[in-house]
């Protein structure tokens, strides 16, 4: 079973368990994966098209999305975990102890999927 499928299946379970750290980490990481697969915006698309030249019909404006390999998915999950750990390291003040604990818990959730 792919990493993304396992994460998507874990999300409702985390929601039922009211595991805020897992829900937050899984939602953010699944969104990052979706963003990584977004269709690239080319130079022609960014300039716009005259109304009379615009595509017409159902599905005419659909763009093909990129597909990430399983290795690419794992890289993004690892980057999301690393980002949380780095942020936790930067918050060294005792006033941020709750935030640090939450960031570390989110990173731990993500790292479990990589094992």
PDB file of N, CA and C in Angstrom:
ATOM      1  N   UNK A   1       0.849  -1.174   0.000  1.00  0.00           N
ATOM      2  CA  UNK A   1       0.000   0.000   0.000  1.00  0.00           C
ATOM      3  C   UNK A   1       0.896   1.239   0.000  1.00  0.00           C
ATOM      4  N   UNK A   2       0.536   2.212  -0.800  1.00  0.00           N
ATOM      5  CA  UNK A   2       1.386   3.389  -0.939  1.00  0.00           C
ATOM      6  C   UNK A   2       1.345   4.260   0.318  1.00  0.00           C
ATOM      7  N   UNK A   3       2.364   5.068   0.448  1.00  0.00           N
ATOM      8  CA  UNK A   3       2.496   5.965   1.593  1.00  0.00           C
ATOM      9  C   UNK A   3       1.319   6.940   1.675  1.00  0.00           C
ATOM     10  N   UNK A   4       0.949   7.502   0.545  1.00  0.00           N
ATOM     11  CA  UNK A   4      -0.162   8.461   0.517  1.00  0.00           C
ATOM     12  C   UNK A   4      -1.476   7.792   0.930  1.00  0.00           C
ATOM     13  N   UNK A   5      -1.720   6.584   0.463  1.00  0.00           N
ATOM     14  CA  UNK A   5      -2.949   5.868   0.816  1.00  0.00           C
ATOM     15  C   UNK A   5      -2.976   5.583   2.314  1.00  0.00           C
ATOM     16  N   UNK A   6      -1.840   5.178   2.858  1.00  0.00           N
ATOM     17  CA  UNK A   6      -1.782   4.915   4.299  1.00  0.00           C
ATOM     18  C   UNK A   6      -2.054   6.191   5.097  1.00  0.00           C
ATOM     19  N   UNK A   7      -1.549   7.314   4.611  1.00  0.00           N
ATOM     20  CA  UNK A   7      -1.779   8.579   5.308  1.00  0.00           C
ATOM     21  C   UNK A   7      -3.248   8.995   5.211  1.00  0.00           C
ATOM     22  N   UNK A   8      -3.835   8.818   4.031  1.00  0.00           N
ATOM     23  CA  UNK A   8      -5.256   9.161   3.861  1.00  0.00           C
ATOM     24  C   UNK A   8      -6.146   8.281   4.747  1.00  0.00           C
ATOM     25  N   UNK A   9      -5.779   7.027   4.916  1.00  0.00           N
ATOM     26  CA  UNK A   9      -6.552   6.129   5.776  1.00  0.00           C
ATOM     27  C   UNK A   9      -6.357   6.471   7.252  1.00  0.00           C
ATOM     28  N   UNK A  10      -5.184   6.963   7.601  1.00  0.00           N
ATOM     29  CA  UNK A  10      -4.897   7.297   8.993  1.00  0.00           C
ATOM     30  C   UNK A  10      -5.601   8.579   9.431  1.00  0.00           C
ATOM     31  N   UNK A  11      -5.901   9.460   8.498  1.00  0.00           N
ATOM     32  CA  UNK A  11      -6.518  10.745   8.856  1.00  0.00           C
ATOM     33  C   UNK A  11      -7.873  10.583   9.555  1.00  0.00           C
ATOM     34  N   UNK A  12      -8.825   9.819   9.002  1.00  0.00           N
ATOM     35  CA  UNK A  12     -10.101   9.675   9.717  1.00  0.00           C
ATOM     36  C   UNK A  12      -9.942   8.972  11.068  1.00  0.00           C
ATOM     37  N   UNK A  13      -8.995   8.048  11.138  1.00  0.00           N
ATOM     38  CA  UNK A  13      -8.733   7.373  12.412  1.00  0.00           C
ATOM     39  C   UNK A  13      -8.230   8.372  13.454  1.00  0.00           C
ATOM     40  N   UNK A  14      -7.339   9.254  13.040  1.00  0.00           N
ATOM     41  CA  UNK A  14      -6.820  10.279  13.951  1.00  0.00           C
ATOM     42  C   UNK A  14      -7.929  11.250  14.359  1.00  0.00           C
ATOM     43  N   UNK A  15      -8.824  11.541  13.439  1.00  0.00           N
ATOM     44  CA  UNK A  15      -9.938  12.437  13.758  1.00  0.00           C
ATOM     45  C   UNK A  15     -10.872  11.792  14.785  1.00  0.00           C
ATOM     46  N   UNK A  16     -11.149  10.505  14.593  1.00  0.00           N
ATOM     47  CA  UNK A  16     -12.006   9.806  15.558  1.00  0.00           C
ATOM     48  C   UNK A  16     -11.346   9.729  16.931  1.00  0.00           C
ATOM     49  N   UNK A  17     -10.021   9.566  16.933  1.00  0.00           N
ATOM     50  CA  UNK A  17      -9.283   9.483  18.198  1.00  0.00           C
ATOM     51  C   UNK A  17      -9.042  10.863  18.810  1.00  0.00           C
ATOM     52  N   UNK A  18      -9.415  11.911  18.082  1.00  0.00           N
ATOM     53  CA  UNK A  18      -9.207  13.303  18.520  1.00  0.00           C
ATOM     54  C   UNK A  18      -7.725  13.593  18.795  1.00  0.00           C
ATOM     55  N   UNK A  19      -6.880  13.028  17.939  1.00  0.00           N
ATOM     56  CA  UNK A  19      -5.436  13.236  18.029  1.00  0.00           C
ATOM     57  C   UNK A  19      -5.097  14.476  17.207  1.00  0.00           C
ATOM     58  N   UNK A  20      -5.058  15.619  17.864  1.00  0.00           N
ATOM     59  CA  UNK A  20      -4.871  16.902  17.168  1.00  0.00           C
ATOM     60  C   UNK A  20      -3.551  16.971  16.420  1.00  0.00           C
ATOM     61  N   UNK A  21      -2.496  16.444  17.022  1.00  0.00           N
ATOM     62  CA  UNK A  21      -1.177  16.493  16.371  1.00  0.00           C
ATOM     63  C   UNK A  21      -1.185  15.670  15.091  1.00  0.00           C
ATOM     64  N   UNK A  22      -1.761  14.484  15.139  1.00  0.00           N
ATOM     65  CA  UNK A  22      -1.799  13.625  13.954  1.00  0.00           C
ATOM     66  C   UNK A  22      -2.679  14.233  12.869  1.00  0.00           C
ATOM     67  N   UNK A  23      -3.829  14.759  13.256  1.00  0.00           N
ATOM     68  CA  UNK A  23      -4.736  15.371  12.280  1.00  0.00           C
ATOM     69  C   UNK A  23      -4.051  16.553  11.599  1.00  0.00           C
ATOM     70  N   UNK A  24      -3.416  17.397  12.374  1.00  0.00           N
ATOM     71  CA  UNK A  24      -2.735  18.568  11.822  1.00  0.00           C
ATOM     72  C   UNK A  24      -1.604  18.165  10.878  1.00  0.00           C
ATOM     73  N   UNK A  25      -0.777  17.224  11.309  1.00  0.00           N
ATOM     74  CA  UNK A  25       0.358  16.789  10.495  1.00  0.00           C
ATOM     75  C   UNK A  25      -0.111  16.119   9.209  1.00  0.00           C
ATOM     76  N   UNK A  26      -1.105  15.258   9.310  1.00  0.00           N
ATOM     77  CA  UNK A  26      -1.583  14.533   8.125  1.00  0.00           C
ATOM     78  C   UNK A  26      -2.261  15.476   7.137  1.00  0.00           C
ATOM     79  N   UNK A  27      -3.089  16.385   7.626  1.00  0.00           N
ATOM     80  CA  UNK A  27      -3.755  17.327   6.720  1.00  0.00           C
ATOM     81  C   UNK A  27      -2.748  18.205   5.997  1.00  0.00           C
ATOM     82  N   UNK A  28      -1.798  18.742   6.737  1.00  0.00           N
ATOM     83  CA  UNK A  28      -0.800  19.630   6.130  1.00  0.00           C
ATOM     84  C   UNK A  28       0.068  18.880   5.125  1.00  0.00           C
ATOM     85  N   UNK A  29       0.437  17.657   5.446  1.00  0.00           N
ATOM     86  CA  UNK A  29       1.302  16.891   4.553  1.00  0.00           C
ATOM     87  C   UNK A  29       0.547  16.438   3.309  1.00  0.00           C
ATOM     88  N   UNK A  30      -0.692  16.017   3.460  1.00  0.00           N
ATOM     89  CA  UNK A  30      -1.484  15.644   2.285  1.00  0.00           C
ATOM     90  C   UNK A  30      -1.709  16.859   1.383  1.00  0.00           C
ATOM     91  N   UNK A  31      -1.889  18.026   1.976  1.00  0.00           N
ATOM     92  CA  UNK A  31      -2.022  19.256   1.184  1.00  0.00           C
ATOM     93  C   UNK A  31      -0.718  19.569   0.457  1.00  0.00           C
ATOM     94  N   UNK A  32       0.416  19.365   1.129  1.00  0.00           N
ATOM     95  CA  UNK A  32       1.717  19.601   0.491  1.00  0.00           C
ATOM     96  C   UNK A  32       1.917  18.651  -0.687  1.00  0.00           C
ATOM     97  N   UNK A  33       1.456  17.416  -0.547  1.00  0.00           N
ATOM     98  CA  UNK A  33       1.556  16.454  -1.652  1.00  0.00           C
ATOM     99  C   UNK A  33       0.674  16.891  -2.817  1.00  0.00           C
ATOM    100  N   UNK A  34      -0.541  17.327  -2.518  1.00  0.00           N
ATOM    101  CA  UNK A  34      -1.429  17.811  -3.582  1.00  0.00           C
ATOM    102  C   UNK A  34      -0.833  19.031  -4.278  1.00  0.00           C
ATOM    103  N   UNK A  35      -0.240  19.935  -3.511  1.00  0.00           N
ATOM    104  CA  UNK A  35       0.386  21.126  -4.101  1.00  0.00           C
ATOM    105  C   UNK A  35       1.570  20.758  -4.979  1.00  0.00           C
ATOM    106  N   UNK A  36       2.329  19.759  -4.571  1.00  0.00           N
ATOM    107  CA  UNK A  36       3.492  19.338  -5.359  1.00  0.00           C
ATOM    108  C   UNK A  36       3.070  18.738  -6.696  1.00  0.00           C
ATOM    109  N   UNK A  37       1.853  18.221  -6.764  1.00  0.00           N
ATOM    110  CA  UNK A  37       1.373  17.622  -8.006  1.00  0.00           C
ATOM    111  C   UNK A  37       0.598  18.604  -8.882  1.00  0.00           C
ATOM    112  N   UNK A  38       0.473  19.846  -8.445  1.00  0.00           N
ATOM    113  CA  UNK A  38      -0.279  20.834  -9.219  1.00  0.00           C
ATOM    114  C   UNK A  38       0.368  21.042 -10.573  1.00  0.00           C
ATOM    115  N   UNK A  39      -0.458  21.347 -11.530  1.00  0.00           N
ATOM    116  CA  UNK A  39       0.043  21.590 -12.883  1.00  0.00           C
ATOM    117  C   UNK A  39       0.899  22.850 -12.890  1.00  0.00           C
ATOM    118  N   UNK A  40       2.042  22.799 -13.562  1.00  0.00           N
ATOM    119  CA  UNK A  40       2.889  23.987 -13.614  1.00  0.00           C
ATOM    120  C   UNK A  40       2.215  25.088 -14.430  1.00  0.00           C
ATOM    121  N   UNK A  41       2.427  26.302 -14.005  1.00  0.00           N
ATOM    122  CA  UNK A  41       1.878  27.443 -14.731  1.00  0.00           C
ATOM    123  C   UNK A  41       2.954  27.906 -15.696  1.00  0.00           C
ATOM    124  N   UNK A  42       2.649  27.770 -16.965  1.00  0.00           N
ATOM    125  CA  UNK A  42       3.610  28.161 -17.989  1.00  0.00           C
ATOM    126  C   UNK A  42       3.526  29.636 -18.284  1.00  0.00           C
ATOM    127  N   UNK A  43       4.450  30.097 -19.072  1.00  0.00           N
ATOM    128  CA  UNK A  43       4.493  31.509 -19.422  1.00  0.00           C
ATOM    129  C   UNK A  43       3.250  31.931 -20.191  1.00  0.00           C
ATOM    130  N   UNK A  44       2.763  31.075 -21.085  1.00  0.00           N
ATOM    131  CA  UNK A  44       1.599  31.417 -21.894  1.00  0.00           C
ATOM    132  C   UNK A  44       0.349  31.545 -21.037  1.00  0.00           C
ATOM    133  N   UNK A  45       0.195  30.644 -20.050  1.00  0.00           N
ATOM    134  CA  UNK A  45      -0.997  30.692 -19.216  1.00  0.00           C
ATOM    135  C   UNK A  45      -1.007  31.920 -18.320  1.00  0.00           C
ATOM    136  N   UNK A  46       0.162  32.373 -17.880  1.00  0.00           N
ATOM    137  CA  UNK A  46       0.201  33.491 -16.951  1.00  0.00           C
ATOM    138  C   UNK A  46      -0.137  34.816 -17.626  1.00  0.00           C
ATOM    139  N   UNK A  47       0.038  34.898 -18.942  1.00  0.00           N
ATOM    140  CA  UNK A  47      -0.273  36.145 -19.653  1.00  0.00           C
ATOM    141  C   UNK A  47      -1.753  36.301 -19.918  1.00  0.00           C
ATOM    142  N   UNK A  48      -2.481  35.216 -19.912  1.00  0.00           N
ATOM    143  CA  UNK A  48      -3.912  35.286 -20.186  1.00  0.00           C
ATOM    144  C   UNK A  48      -4.186  35.087 -21.659  1.00  0.00           C
ATOM    145  N   UNK A  49      -5.444  34.815 -21.952  1.00  0.00           N
ATOM    146  CA  UNK A  49      -5.858  34.551 -23.322  1.00  0.00           C
ATOM    147  C   UNK A  49      -7.084  35.406 -23.598  1.00  0.00           C
ATOM    148  N   UNK A  50      -7.179  35.880 -24.812  1.00  0.00           N
ATOM    149  CA  UNK A  50      -8.350  36.658 -25.198  1.00  0.00           C
ATOM    150  C   UNK A  50      -9.589  35.786 -25.074  1.00  0.00           C
ATOM    151  N   UNK A  51     -10.718  36.387 -24.755  1.00  0.00           N
ATOM    152  CA  UNK A  51     -11.963  35.662 -24.533  1.00  0.00           C
ATOM    153  C   UNK A  51     -12.326  34.795 -25.735  1.00  0.00           C
ATOM    154  N   UNK A  52     -12.161  35.335 -26.932  1.00  0.00           N
ATOM    155  CA  UNK A  52     -12.530  34.568 -28.127  1.00  0.00           C
ATOM    156  C   UNK A  52     -11.593  33.384 -28.383  1.00  0.00           C
ATOM    157  N   UNK A  53     -10.414  33.384 -27.756  1.00  0.00           N
ATOM    158  CA  UNK A  53      -9.469  32.275 -27.918  1.00  0.00           C
ATOM    159  C   UNK A  53      -9.537  31.278 -26.763  1.00  0.00           C
ATOM    160  N   UNK A  54     -10.364  31.540 -25.773  1.00  0.00           N
ATOM    161  CA  UNK A  54     -10.414  30.665 -24.599  1.00  0.00           C
ATOM    162  C   UNK A  54     -11.107  29.352 -24.946  1.00  0.00           C
ATOM    163  N   UNK A  55     -10.695  28.262 -24.271  1.00  0.00           N
ATOM    164  CA  UNK A  55     -11.303  26.965 -24.545  1.00  0.00           C
ATOM    165  C   UNK A  55     -12.753  26.928 -24.080  1.00  0.00           C
ATOM    166  N   UNK A  56     -13.551  26.124 -24.764  1.00  0.00           N
ATOM    167  CA  UNK A  56     -14.972  26.025 -24.462  1.00  0.00           C
ATOM    168  C   UNK A  56     -15.334  24.556 -24.302  1.00  0.00           C
ATOM    169  N   UNK A  57     -16.265  24.276 -23.401  1.00  0.00           N
ATOM    170  CA  UNK A  57     -16.765  22.918 -23.248  1.00  0.00           C
ATOM    171  C   UNK A  57     -16.343  22.298 -21.932  1.00  0.00           C
ATOM    172  N   UNK A  58     -17.017  21.217 -21.598  1.00  0.00           N
ATOM    173  CA  UNK A  58     -16.734  20.524 -20.342  1.00  0.00           C
ATOM    174  C   UNK A  58     -15.314  19.977 -20.350  1.00  0.00           C
ATOM    175  N   UNK A  59     -14.579  20.284 -19.313  1.00  0.00           N
ATOM    176  CA  UNK A  59     -13.219  19.785 -19.181  1.00  0.00           C
ATOM    177  C   UNK A  59     -12.186  20.532 -19.996  1.00  0.00           C
ATOM    178  N   UNK A  60     -12.588  21.579 -20.694  1.00  0.00           N
ATOM    179  CA  UNK A  60     -11.656  22.302 -21.555  1.00  0.00           C
ATOM    180  C   UNK A  60     -10.585  23.027 -20.761  1.00  0.00           C
ATOM    181  N   UNK A  61     -10.886  23.364 -19.531  1.00  0.00           N
ATOM    182  CA  UNK A  61      -9.916  24.107 -18.733  1.00  0.00           C
ATOM    183  C   UNK A  61      -9.121  23.202 -17.794  1.00  0.00           C
ATOM    184  N   UNK A  62      -9.345  21.907 -17.871  1.00  0.00           N
ATOM    185  CA  UNK A  62      -8.605  20.975 -17.017  1.00  0.00           C
ATOM    186  C   UNK A  62      -7.154  20.877 -17.486  1.00  0.00           C
ATOM    187  N   UNK A  63      -6.266  20.837 -16.526  1.00  0.00           N
ATOM    188  CA  UNK A  63      -4.846  20.691 -16.848  1.00  0.00           C
ATOM    189  C   UNK A  63      -4.349  19.388 -16.246  1.00  0.00           C
ATOM    190  N   UNK A  64      -3.454  18.747 -16.939  1.00  0.00           N
ATOM    191  CA  UNK A  64      -2.896  17.495 -16.430  1.00  0.00           C
ATOM    192  C   UNK A  64      -2.032  17.784 -15.211  1.00  0.00           C
ATOM    193  N   UNK A  65      -2.198  16.981 -14.181  1.00  0.00           N
ATOM    194  CA  UNK A  65      -1.407  17.141 -12.956  1.00  0.00           C
ATOM    195  C   UNK A  65      -0.159  16.280 -13.061  1.00  0.00           C
ATOM    196  N   UNK A  66       0.850  16.680 -12.327  1.00  0.00           N
ATOM    197  CA  UNK A  66       2.063  15.857 -12.228  1.00  0.00           C
ATOM    198  C   UNK A  66       1.749  14.649 -11.361  1.00  0.00           C
ATOM    199  N   UNK A  67       2.511  13.606 -11.528  1.00  0.00           N
ATOM    200  CA  UNK A  67       2.379  12.441 -10.654  1.00  0.00           C
ATOM    201  C   UNK A  67       3.696  12.245  -9.928  1.00  0.00           C
ATOM    202  N   UNK A  68       3.637  12.201  -8.605  1.00  0.00           N
ATOM    203  CA  UNK A  68       4.830  11.967  -7.803  1.00  0.00           C
ATOM    204  C   UNK A  68       5.091  10.474  -7.686  1.00  0.00           C
ATOM    205  N   UNK A  69       6.340  10.108  -7.742  1.00  0.00           N
ATOM    206  CA  UNK A  69       6.705   8.718  -7.487  1.00  0.00           C
ATOM    207  C   UNK A  69       6.609   8.470  -5.992  1.00  0.00           C
ATOM    208  N   UNK A  70       6.669   7.214  -5.599  1.00  0.00           N
ATOM    209  CA  UNK A  70       6.634   6.890  -4.168  1.00  0.00           C
ATOM    210  C   UNK A  70       7.828   7.523  -3.457  1.00  0.00           C
ATOM    211  N   UNK A  71       8.957   7.587  -4.147  1.00  0.00           N
ATOM    212  CA  UNK A  71      10.153   8.226  -3.591  1.00  0.00           C
ATOM    213  C   UNK A  71       9.919   9.729  -3.410  1.00  0.00           C
ATOM    214  N   UNK A  72       9.266  10.350  -4.365  1.00  0.00           N
ATOM    215  CA  UNK A  72       8.948  11.778  -4.259  1.00  0.00           C
ATOM    216  C   UNK A  72       7.999  12.069  -3.109  1.00  0.00           C
ATOM    217  N   UNK A  73       7.027  11.180  -2.912  1.00  0.00           N
ATOM    218  CA  UNK A  73       6.094  11.331  -1.794  1.00  0.00           C
ATOM    219  C   UNK A  73       6.857  11.233  -0.478  1.00  0.00           C
ATOM    220  N   UNK A  74       7.745  10.241  -0.383  1.00  0.00           N
ATOM    221  CA  UNK A  74       8.532  10.059   0.844  1.00  0.00           C
ATOM    222  C   UNK A  74       9.411  11.271   1.116  1.00  0.00           C
ATOM    223  N   UNK A  75       9.972  11.867   0.073  1.00  0.00           N
ATOM    224  CA  UNK A  75      10.810  13.058   0.244  1.00  0.00           C
ATOM    225  C   UNK A  75      10.007  14.219   0.825  1.00  0.00           C
ATOM    226  N   UNK A  76       8.785  14.391   0.358  1.00  0.00           N
ATOM    227  CA  UNK A  76       7.954  15.481   0.853  1.00  0.00           C
ATOM    228  C   UNK A  76       7.555  15.222   2.301  1.00  0.00           C
ATOM    229  N   UNK A  77       7.211  13.983   2.621  1.00  0.00           N
ATOM    230  CA  UNK A  77       6.845  13.647   4.003  1.00  0.00           C
ATOM    231  C   UNK A  77       8.045  13.888   4.921  1.00  0.00           C
ATOM    232  N   UNK A  78       9.229  13.487   4.472  1.00  0.00           N
ATOM    233  CA  UNK A  78      10.447  13.696   5.261  1.00  0.00           C
ATOM    234  C   UNK A  78      10.726  15.195   5.425  1.00  0.00           C
ATOM    235  N   UNK A  79      10.518  15.971   4.382  1.00  0.00           N
ATOM    236  CA  UNK A  79      10.733  17.422   4.453  1.00  0.00           C
ATOM    237  C   UNK A  79       9.749  18.071   5.422  1.00  0.00           C
ATOM    238  N   UNK A  80       8.505  17.611   5.418  1.00  0.00           N
ATOM    239  CA  UNK A  80       7.511  18.157   6.355  1.00  0.00           C
ATOM    240  C   UNK A  80       7.906  17.845   7.803  1.00  0.00           C
ATOM    241  N   UNK A  81       8.389  16.633   8.055  1.00  0.00           N
ATOM    242  CA  UNK A  81       8.821  16.265   9.409  1.00  0.00           C
ATOM    243  C   UNK A  81      10.035  17.089   9.821  1.00  0.00           C
ATOM    244  N   UNK A  82      10.986  17.236   8.919  1.00  0.00           N
ATOM    245  CA  UNK A  82      12.192  18.018   9.199  1.00  0.00           C
ATOM    246  C   UNK A  82      11.843  19.475   9.483  1.00  0.00           C
ATOM    247  N   UNK A  83      10.907  20.003   8.733  1.00  0.00           N
ATOM    248  CA  UNK A  83      10.476  21.392   8.942  1.00  0.00           C
ATOM    249  C   UNK A  83       9.928  21.579  10.358  1.00  0.00           C
ATOM    250  N   UNK A  84       9.158  20.624  10.830  1.00  0.00           N
ATOM    251  CA  UNK A  84       8.605  20.710  12.186  1.00  0.00           C
ATOM    252  C   UNK A  84       9.694  20.588  13.247  1.00  0.00           C
ATOM    253  N   UNK A  85      10.634  19.693  13.022  1.00  0.00           N
ATOM    254  CA  UNK A  85      11.729  19.522  13.988  1.00  0.00           C
ATOM    255  C   UNK A  85      12.610  20.760  14.037  1.00  0.00           C
ATOM    256  N   UNK A  86      12.881  21.355  12.886  1.00  0.00           N
ATOM    257  CA  UNK A  86      13.679  22.586  12.844  1.00  0.00           C
ATOM    258  C   UNK A  86      12.965  23.726  13.565  1.00  0.00           C
ATOM    259  N   UNK A  87      11.663  23.841  13.359  1.00  0.00           N
ATOM    260  CA  UNK A  87      10.899  24.886  14.040  1.00  0.00           C
ATOM    261  C   UNK A  87      10.907  24.658  15.553  1.00  0.00           C
ATOM    262  N   UNK A  88      10.830  23.407  15.972  1.00  0.00           N
ATOM    263  CA  UNK A  88      10.856  23.089  17.411  1.00  0.00           C
ATOM    264  C   UNK A  88      12.208  23.470  18.014  1.00  0.00           C
ATOM    265  N   UNK A  89      13.288  23.248  17.257  1.00  0.00           N
ATOM    266  CA  UNK A  89      14.631  23.599  17.749  1.00  0.00           C
ATOM    267  C   UNK A  89      14.779  25.105  17.912  1.00  0.00           C
ATOM    268  N   UNK A  90      14.155  25.858  17.046  1.00  0.00           N
ATOM    269  CA  UNK A  90      14.274  27.313  17.085  1.00  0.00           C
ATOM    270  C   UNK A  90      13.486  27.935  18.231  1.00  0.00           C
ATOM    271  N   UNK A  91      12.476  27.240  18.714  1.00  0.00           N
ATOM    272  CA  UNK A  91      11.662  27.750  19.826  1.00  0.00           C
ATOM    273  C   UNK A  91      12.216  27.205  21.131  1.00  0.00           C
ATOM    274  N   UNK A  92      13.234  27.852  21.643  1.00  0.00           N
ATOM    275  CA  UNK A  92      13.901  27.338  22.846  1.00  0.00           C
ATOM    276  C   UNK A  92      13.354  27.934  24.138  1.00  0.00           C
ATOM    277  N   UNK A  93      12.526  28.946  24.044  1.00  0.00           N
ATOM    278  CA  UNK A  93      11.993  29.601  25.234  1.00  0.00           C
ATOM    279  C   UNK A  93      11.005  28.688  25.959  1.00  0.00           C
ATOM    280  N   UNK A  94      11.048  28.679  27.303  1.00  0.00           N
ATOM    281  CA  UNK A  94      10.079  27.875  28.064  1.00  0.00           C
ATOM    282  C   UNK A  94       8.628  28.298  27.807  1.00  0.00           C
ATOM    283  N   UNK A  95       8.442  29.516  27.370  1.00  0.00           N
ATOM    284  CA  UNK A  95       7.093  29.991  27.071  1.00  0.00           C
ATOM    285  C   UNK A  95       6.481  29.249  25.881  1.00  0.00           C
ATOM    286  N   UNK A  96       7.328  28.651  25.053  1.00  0.00           N
ATOM    287  CA  UNK A  96       6.859  27.942  23.854  1.00  0.00           C
ATOM    288  C   UNK A  96       6.872  26.429  24.038  1.00  0.00           C
ATOM    289  N   UNK A  97       6.928  25.951  25.253  1.00  0.00           N
ATOM    290  CA  UNK A  97       7.046  24.511  25.502  1.00  0.00           C
ATOM    291  C   UNK A  97       5.891  23.723  24.891  1.00  0.00           C
ATOM    292  N   UNK A  98       4.677  24.253  24.952  1.00  0.00           N
ATOM    293  CA  UNK A  98       3.532  23.542  24.376  1.00  0.00           C
ATOM    294  C   UNK A  98       3.657  23.434  22.860  1.00  0.00           C
ATOM    295  N   UNK A  99       4.068  24.527  22.236  1.00  0.00           N
ATOM    296  CA  UNK A  99       4.227  24.529  20.769  1.00  0.00           C
ATOM    297  C   UNK A  99       5.338  23.572  20.351  1.00  0.00           C
ATOM    298  N   UNK A 100       6.434  23.560  21.082  1.00  0.00           N
ATOM    299  CA  UNK A 100       7.551  22.654  20.783  1.00  0.00           C
ATOM    300  C   UNK A 100       7.086  21.204  20.886  1.00  0.00           C
ATOM    301  N   UNK A 101       6.347  20.881  21.933  1.00  0.00           N
ATOM    302  CA  UNK A 101       5.854  19.518  22.115  1.00  0.00           C
ATOM    303  C   UNK A 101       4.930  19.119  20.968  1.00  0.00           C
ATOM    304  N   UNK A 102       4.096  20.049  20.538  1.00  0.00           N
ATOM    305  CA  UNK A 102       3.175  19.744  19.443  1.00  0.00           C
ATOM    306  C   UNK A 102       3.938  19.537  18.130  1.00  0.00           C
ATOM    307  N   UNK A 103       4.909  20.380  17.850  1.00  0.00           N
ATOM    308  CA  UNK A 103       5.705  20.223  16.626  1.00  0.00           C
ATOM    309  C   UNK A 103       6.443  18.888  16.617  1.00  0.00           C
ATOM    310  N   UNK A 104       7.004  18.521  17.753  1.00  0.00           N
ATOM    311  CA  UNK A 104       7.708  17.238  17.836  1.00  0.00           C
ATOM    312  C   UNK A 104       6.745  16.065  17.686  1.00  0.00           C
ATOM    313  N   UNK A 105       5.549  16.189  18.240  1.00  0.00           N
ATOM    314  CA  UNK A 105       4.542  15.130  18.101  1.00  0.00           C
ATOM    315  C   UNK A 105       4.108  14.984  16.642  1.00  0.00           C
ATOM    316  N   UNK A 106       3.939  16.108  15.950  1.00  0.00           N
ATOM    317  CA  UNK A 106       3.569  16.062  14.531  1.00  0.00           C
ATOM    318  C   UNK A 106       4.679  15.413  13.714  1.00  0.00           C
ATOM    319  N   UNK A 107       5.924  15.768  13.994  1.00  0.00           N
ATOM    320  CA  UNK A 107       7.051  15.168  13.282  1.00  0.00           C
ATOM    321  C   UNK A 107       7.109  13.666  13.535  1.00  0.00           C
ATOM    322  N   UNK A 108       6.858  13.250  14.766  1.00  0.00           N
ATOM    323  CA  UNK A 108       6.879  11.824  15.100  1.00  0.00           C
ATOM    324  C   UNK A 108       5.805  11.065  14.327  1.00  0.00           C
ATOM    325  N   UNK A 109       4.634  11.674  14.170  1.00  0.00           N
ATOM    326  CA  UNK A 109       3.555  11.045  13.397  1.00  0.00           C
ATOM    327  C   UNK A 109       4.023  10.805  11.969  1.00  0.00           C
ATOM    328  N   UNK A 110       4.622  11.812  11.371  1.00  0.00           N
ATOM    329  CA  UNK A 110       5.077  11.694   9.978  1.00  0.00           C
ATOM    330  C   UNK A 110       6.215  10.698   9.831  1.00  0.00           C
ATOM    331  N   UNK A 111       7.145  10.717  10.761  1.00  0.00           N
ATOM    332  CA  UNK A 111       8.295   9.806  10.678  1.00  0.00           C
ATOM    333  C   UNK A 111       7.873   8.345  10.828  1.00  0.00           C
ATOM    334  N   UNK A 112       6.777   8.096  11.542  1.00  0.00           N
ATOM    335  CA  UNK A 112       6.283   6.707  11.665  1.00  0.00           C
ATOM    336  C   UNK A 112       5.865   6.160  10.314  1.00  0.00           C
ATOM    337  N   UNK A 113       5.378   7.013   9.442  1.00  0.00           N
ATOM    338  CA  UNK A 113       4.959   6.551   8.105  1.00  0.00           C
ATOM    339  C   UNK A 113       6.156   6.195   7.235  1.00  0.00           C
ATOM    340  N   UNK A 114       7.313   6.726   7.550  1.00  0.00           N
ATOM    341  CA  UNK A 114       8.512   6.464   6.741  1.00  0.00           C
ATOM    342  C   UNK A 114       9.238   5.204   7.140  1.00  0.00           C
ATOM    343  N   UNK A 115       8.920   4.656   8.291  1.00  0.00           N
ATOM    344  CA  UNK A 115       9.600   3.430   8.757  1.00  0.00           C
ATOM    345  C   UNK A 115       9.190   2.227   7.965  1.00  0.00           C
TER     346      UNK A 115
END
